[in-house]
Amino acid sequence: MDDFELWLNGCRENNTVIFKLPEPGLYKTWNEHIVNHNVIRGTPVYHVWKNGKRVYCGLNYLEAVKKAENE
């Protein structure tokens, strides 16, 4: 099992939502919880994965896109 698969399993175990973005290897994650019958979504975090290794993890979408396109 590579680092990417371990990350996927960790997200599942922690109820982290994973959304695949159009750029190769770029994902957005966030957590959700319910408060007074309202869904509250946490701050999105962007991840770039190449060949089973994470090359970027952060809050800046534009930086993540640059990493995804240049790696």
Protein backbone atom coordinates (compact mmCIF):
# COMPACT_ATOMS: atom_id res chain seq x y z
CA MET A 1 0.00 0.00 0.00
CA ASP A 2 1.50 3.37 -1.01
CA ASP A 3 1.11 6.74 0.73
CA PHE A 4 -1.87 7.70 -1.47
CA GLU A 5 -3.83 4.60 -0.47
CA LEU A 6 -2.98 5.18 3.20
CA TRP A 7 -4.24 8.78 2.84
CA LEU A 8 -7.50 7.58 1.26
CA ASN A 9 -8.04 5.11 4.10
CA GLY A 10 -7.32 7.83 6.69
CA CYS A 11 -9.84 10.17 5.05
CA ARG A 12 -12.49 7.44 5.11
CA GLU A 13 -11.83 6.64 8.76
CA ASN A 14 -12.07 10.33 9.73
CA ASN A 15 -15.17 11.09 7.61
CA THR A 16 -13.21 13.53 5.46
CA VAL A 17 -14.88 14.38 2.15
CA ILE A 18 -12.57 13.96 -0.87
CA PHE A 19 -13.36 15.73 -4.13
CA LYS A 20 -11.29 15.06 -7.26
CA LEU A 21 -10.58 18.26 -9.19
CA PRO A 22 -9.97 18.35 -12.98
CA GLU A 23 -6.21 18.86 -12.80
CA PRO A 24 -4.21 15.60 -12.70
CA GLY A 25 -3.54 14.46 -9.14
CA LEU A 26 -5.39 17.40 -7.51
CA TYR A 27 -7.89 16.78 -4.72
CA LYS A 28 -9.86 18.98 -2.33
CA THR A 29 -10.81 17.72 1.12
CA TRP A 30 -12.97 19.06 3.92
CA ASN A 31 -14.77 17.87 7.03
CA GLU A 32 -18.47 18.33 7.69
CA HIS A 33 -20.43 18.31 10.89
CA ILE A 34 -24.03 19.09 11.84
CA VAL A 35 -24.98 21.94 14.15
CA ASN A 36 -28.67 22.55 14.84
CA HIS A 37 -29.69 20.56 11.74
CA ASN A 38 -27.31 22.59 9.54
CA VAL A 39 -24.30 21.11 7.78
CA ILE A 40 -21.14 23.07 8.58
CA ARG A 41 -18.26 22.53 6.15
CA GLY A 42 -14.67 23.03 7.29
CA THR A 43 -11.96 24.90 5.44
CA PRO A 44 -10.97 23.14 2.21
CA VAL A 45 -7.47 21.73 1.94
CA TYR A 46 -5.89 21.03 -1.45
CA HIS A 47 -3.65 18.03 -2.07
CA VAL A 48 -1.53 17.17 -5.11
CA TRP A 49 -0.45 13.55 -5.54
CA LYS A 50 2.08 12.22 -8.06
CA ASN A 51 3.16 8.59 -8.30
CA GLY A 52 1.71 7.74 -4.88
CA LYS A 53 3.49 10.65 -3.12
CA ARG A 54 1.97 13.92 -1.93
CA VAL A 55 3.80 16.89 -3.43
CA TYR A 56 1.53 19.63 -2.05
CA CYS A 57 -0.90 20.05 0.83
CA GLY A 58 -2.27 23.48 1.68
CA LEU A 59 -5.04 26.05 1.58
CA ASN A 60 -3.99 27.87 -1.60
CA TYR A 61 -5.91 26.60 -4.64
CA LEU A 62 -3.77 28.48 -7.18
CA GLU A 63 -0.55 27.11 -5.69
CA ALA A 64 -2.03 23.59 -5.79
CA VAL A 65 -2.95 24.00 -9.47
CA LYS A 66 0.60 25.17 -10.26
CA LYS A 67 2.03 22.12 -8.49
CA ALA A 68 -0.38 19.79 -10.29
CA GLU A 69 0.51 21.22 -13.69
CA ASN A 70 4.28 21.43 -13.12
CA GLU A 71 5.04 18.17 -11.34
